[in-house]
């Protein structure tokens, strides 16, 4: 939700950015910066549903995608942590922070015990990423440790997005294109069902992770 709010606040149209990425395929530097900007504001959509198809279609280069998704997400992590760390007195007054205080405190307790593990968990659990990163800033987690584990988790995610996901997208897109010619309604139904299943799975994963995070030290052991 925070990503959507940032996009709206910044006046950035994701569709326009996507088209700009497509149109700038002959200029890798421009394409990389556009991808990084899109990733910074809307990480999940860009990394998992936009970048892999562009790679599989040959529109986005592998190294361009790897570097741009990494830097976009990594810089986003730092900018989520640093302002909170240095402006704690103002951040705690925010209504969103007060409304999610329990989740932030739960993530904070887990940070105290397992910083590295937490950074990798939240990287693949979108529902808790923002509260966890805010908690890291509020708790003044060691900056060097935070930076190292953030970089490692970002690199891991970018490698999956760049080298693994396109191999799944290419045959899937080819199959859907063939199916579309005779059964367009079925293709729409398949896509809707896929995204519905993805959302439901993410919801259950986020709930399970939050249960784990909210357990006390003795319960989690």
Protein backbone atom coordinates (compact mmCIF):
# COMPACT_ATOMS: atom_id res chain seq x y z
CA UNK A 1 0.00 0.00 0.00
CA UNK A 2 2.85 2.38 0.79
CA UNK A 3 4.30 1.77 -2.68
CA UNK A 4 1.00 2.71 -4.28
CA UNK A 5 0.83 5.86 -2.15
CA UNK A 6 4.37 6.83 -3.16
CA UNK A 7 3.52 6.34 -6.82
CA UNK A 8 0.44 8.53 -6.49
CA UNK A 9 2.30 11.20 -4.50
CA UNK A 10 5.12 11.34 -7.01
CA UNK A 11 2.71 11.48 -9.95
CA UNK A 12 4.33 8.47 -11.58
CA UNK A 13 2.28 6.39 -14.02
CA UNK A 14 3.56 2.80 -14.01
CA UNK A 15 2.08 2.08 -17.45
CA UNK A 16 3.89 5.10 -18.89
CA UNK A 17 7.14 3.99 -17.25
CA UNK A 18 6.73 0.49 -18.67
CA UNK A 19 6.21 1.86 -22.16
CA UNK A 20 9.24 4.11 -21.70
CA UNK A 21 11.33 1.07 -20.71
CA UNK A 22 10.17 -0.71 -23.87
CA UNK A 23 10.87 2.31 -26.07
CA UNK A 24 14.40 2.81 -24.70
CA UNK A 25 15.71 -0.69 -25.47
CA UNK A 26 18.47 0.80 -27.65
CA UNK A 27 19.74 2.86 -24.72
CA UNK A 28 20.57 0.48 -21.83
CA UNK A 29 21.59 3.27 -19.43
CA UNK A 30 18.28 5.07 -19.86
CA UNK A 31 16.39 1.80 -19.68
CA UNK A 32 18.23 0.83 -16.50
CA UNK A 33 17.46 4.12 -14.76
CA UNK A 34 13.79 3.93 -15.74
CA UNK A 35 13.58 0.36 -14.41
CA UNK A 36 15.29 1.37 -11.17
CA UNK A 37 12.86 4.25 -10.66
CA UNK A 38 9.88 1.98 -11.30
CA UNK A 39 11.34 -0.66 -8.95
CA UNK A 40 11.97 1.94 -6.26
CA UNK A 41 8.34 3.02 -6.20
CA UNK A 42 6.56 -0.24 -6.97
CA UNK A 43 8.91 -3.10 -6.15
CA UNK A 44 6.69 -6.19 -6.32
CA UNK A 45 4.86 -5.39 -9.54
CA UNK A 46 8.03 -4.36 -11.38
CA UNK A 47 10.22 -7.24 -10.16
CA UNK A 48 7.75 -10.08 -10.53
CA UNK A 49 5.34 -9.13 -13.32
CA UNK A 50 7.07 -6.54 -15.55
CA UNK A 51 10.80 -7.24 -15.67
CA UNK A 52 10.74 -11.04 -16.37
CA UNK A 53 8.47 -10.77 -19.46
CA UNK A 54 10.58 -7.90 -20.83
CA UNK A 55 13.70 -10.07 -20.42
CA UNK A 56 12.07 -13.10 -22.05
CA UNK A 57 10.95 -10.94 -24.99
CA UNK A 58 14.48 -9.58 -25.44
CA UNK A 59 13.42 -6.00 -24.67
CA UNK A 60 15.37 -5.71 -21.40
CA UNK A 61 18.95 -6.93 -21.13
CA UNK A 62 19.88 -9.35 -18.37
CA UNK A 63 22.63 -7.23 -16.82
CA UNK A 64 20.52 -4.08 -17.12
CA UNK A 65 17.65 -5.83 -15.32
CA UNK A 66 19.94 -7.29 -12.65
CA UNK A 67 21.60 -3.98 -11.79
CA UNK A 68 18.51 -1.80 -12.02
CA UNK A 69 16.30 -4.01 -9.86
CA UNK A 70 19.08 -4.38 -7.30
CA UNK A 71 19.81 -0.66 -7.00
CA UNK A 72 16.16 0.34 -7.04
CA UNK A 73 15.27 -2.01 -4.18
CA UNK A 74 18.49 -1.47 -2.22
CA UNK A 75 18.26 2.33 -2.30
CA UNK A 76 14.59 2.02 -1.35
CA UNK A 77 15.60 0.01 1.71
CA UNK A 78 18.12 2.65 2.77
CA UNK A 79 15.68 5.50 2.29
CA UNK A 80 13.11 3.64 4.36
CA UNK A 81 15.62 3.16 7.20
CA UNK A 82 17.68 6.36 7.37
CA UNK A 83 14.94 9.03 7.67
CA UNK A 84 13.23 7.05 10.43
CA UNK A 85 16.51 6.58 12.28
CA UNK A 86 17.31 10.30 12.28
CA UNK A 87 13.77 11.66 12.64
CA UNK A 88 12.38 9.23 15.20
CA UNK A 89 10.54 11.85 17.24
CA UNK A 90 8.45 12.85 14.22
CA UNK A 91 7.91 9.41 12.73
CA UNK A 92 6.26 7.93 15.83
CA UNK A 93 3.55 10.59 15.58
CA UNK A 94 2.42 9.42 12.15
CA UNK A 95 -1.07 7.90 12.13
CA UNK A 96 0.07 4.98 9.94
CA UNK A 97 2.84 4.13 12.40
CA UNK A 98 0.48 4.28 15.38
CA UNK A 99 -2.07 2.11 13.59
CA UNK A 100 0.57 -0.56 12.84
CA UNK A 101 2.42 -0.27 16.15
CA UNK A 102 1.92 -3.93 17.10
CA UNK A 103 3.33 -5.19 13.80
CA UNK A 104 6.29 -2.82 14.01
CA UNK A 105 7.08 -3.90 17.57
CA UNK A 106 6.82 -7.57 16.58
CA UNK A 107 9.24 -7.07 13.70
CA UNK A 108 11.51 -5.11 16.04
CA UNK A 109 11.71 -7.99 18.53
CA UNK A 110 12.64 -10.37 15.73
CA UNK A 111 15.28 -7.93 14.47
CA UNK A 112 16.90 -8.07 17.89
CA UNK A 113 17.34 -11.84 17.59
CA UNK A 114 17.71 -12.53 13.86
CA UNK A 115 18.65 -9.51 11.75
CA UNK A 116 19.91 -11.43 8.71
CA UNK A 117 17.04 -13.91 8.70
CA UNK A 118 14.51 -11.10 9.02
CA UNK A 119 15.90 -9.20 6.02
CA UNK A 120 15.51 -12.26 3.82
CA UNK A 121 12.03 -13.09 5.17
CA UNK A 122 10.63 -9.63 4.54
CA UNK A 123 12.17 -9.51 1.05
CA UNK A 124 9.72 -12.19 -0.06
CA UNK A 125 6.78 -11.27 2.19
CA UNK A 126 5.40 -7.95 0.86
CA UNK A 127 2.76 -7.49 3.55
CA UNK A 128 5.30 -6.97 6.33
CA UNK A 129 8.24 -5.38 4.50
CA UNK A 130 7.40 -1.73 5.19
CA UNK A 131 6.65 -2.17 8.93
CA UNK A 132 9.83 -4.21 9.33
CA UNK A 133 12.05 -1.62 7.66
CA UNK A 134 10.46 1.14 9.72
CA UNK A 135 11.08 -0.94 12.83
CA UNK A 136 14.76 -1.25 11.87
CA UNK A 137 15.06 2.53 11.76
CA UNK A 138 13.13 3.02 14.99
CA UNK A 139 15.31 0.50 16.79
CA UNK A 140 18.47 2.07 15.34
CA UNK A 141 19.63 -1.30 14.05
CA UNK A 142 23.37 -1.27 13.32
CA UNK A 143 23.70 0.53 9.99
CA UNK A 144 26.54 -1.61 8.64
CA UNK A 145 24.74 -4.88 9.46
CA UNK A 146 21.49 -3.55 8.02
CA UNK A 147 23.23 -2.46 4.81
CA UNK A 148 25.06 -5.76 4.34
CA UNK A 149 21.99 -7.96 4.85
CA UNK A 150 19.83 -5.64 2.77
CA UNK A 151 22.34 -5.83 -0.09
CA UNK A 152 22.55 -9.62 0.12
CA UNK A 153 18.77 -10.08 0.14
CA UNK A 154 18.34 -7.57 -2.73
CA UNK A 155 21.00 -9.36 -4.78
CA UNK A 156 19.31 -12.70 -4.15
CA UNK A 157 15.93 -11.37 -5.24
CA UNK A 158 17.37 -9.67 -8.35
CA UNK A 159 19.13 -12.89 -9.37
CA UNK A 160 15.85 -14.83 -9.13
CA UNK A 161 13.95 -12.15 -11.05
CA UNK A 162 16.62 -11.91 -13.74
CA UNK A 163 17.82 -15.47 -14.29
CA UNK A 164 15.01 -17.75 -13.08
CA UNK A 165 11.67 -16.02 -13.68
CA UNK A 166 12.14 -15.32 -17.43
CA UNK A 167 12.54 -19.05 -18.08
CA UNK A 168 9.04 -19.52 -16.66
CA UNK A 169 7.51 -16.53 -18.42
CA UNK A 170 8.70 -17.30 -21.96
CA UNK A 171 6.87 -20.65 -22.44
CA UNK A 172 3.87 -19.41 -20.45
CA UNK A 173 3.47 -16.34 -22.63
CA UNK A 174 3.88 -18.38 -25.83
CA UNK A 175 1.22 -20.84 -24.64
CA UNK A 176 -1.20 -18.05 -23.69
CA UNK A 177 -0.72 -16.33 -27.04
CA UNK A 178 -1.58 -19.56 -28.86
CA UNK A 179 -4.59 -20.14 -26.63
CA UNK A 180 -5.76 -16.54 -27.10
CA UNK A 181 -6.40 -17.06 -30.81
CA UNK A 182 -9.18 -19.59 -30.18
CA UNK A 183 -10.21 -19.09 -26.55
CA UNK A 184 -9.65 -15.47 -25.41
CA UNK A 185 -12.16 -15.76 -22.56
CA UNK A 186 -10.29 -18.77 -21.18
CA UNK A 187 -7.02 -16.82 -21.22
CA UNK A 188 -8.64 -13.99 -19.23
CA UNK A 189 -10.02 -16.53 -16.75
CA UNK A 190 -6.59 -18.17 -16.34
CA UNK A 191 -4.88 -14.82 -15.71
CA UNK A 192 -7.53 -13.74 -13.18
CA UNK A 193 -7.31 -17.10 -11.39
CA UNK A 194 -3.51 -16.88 -11.28
CA UNK A 195 -3.47 -13.44 -9.69
CA UNK A 196 -6.25 -14.38 -7.28
CA UNK A 197 -4.26 -17.44 -6.16
CA UNK A 198 -1.13 -15.29 -5.84
CA UNK A 199 -2.90 -12.73 -3.62
CA UNK A 200 -4.44 -15.44 -1.41
CA UNK A 201 -1.08 -17.23 -1.07
CA UNK A 202 0.67 -13.99 -0.12
CA UNK A 203 -2.02 -13.29 2.48
CA UNK A 204 -1.54 -16.69 4.13
CA UNK A 205 2.24 -16.38 3.98
CA UNK A 206 2.12 -12.92 5.56
CA UNK A 207 -0.17 -14.20 8.33
CA UNK A 208 2.11 -17.16 9.02
CA UNK A 209 5.21 -14.97 9.11
CA UNK A 210 3.53 -12.46 11.40
CA UNK A 211 2.54 -15.27 13.76
CA UNK A 212 6.18 -16.28 13.87
CA UNK A 213 7.36 -12.72 14.41
CA UNK A 214 4.91 -12.07 17.23
CA UNK A 215 5.97 -15.15 19.19
CA UNK A 216 8.10 -14.55 22.22
CA UNK A 217 11.66 -15.88 22.41
CA UNK A 218 10.60 -19.05 24.26
CA UNK A 219 7.72 -19.82 21.90
CA UNK A 220 9.84 -19.27 18.78
CA UNK A 221 12.62 -21.54 20.03
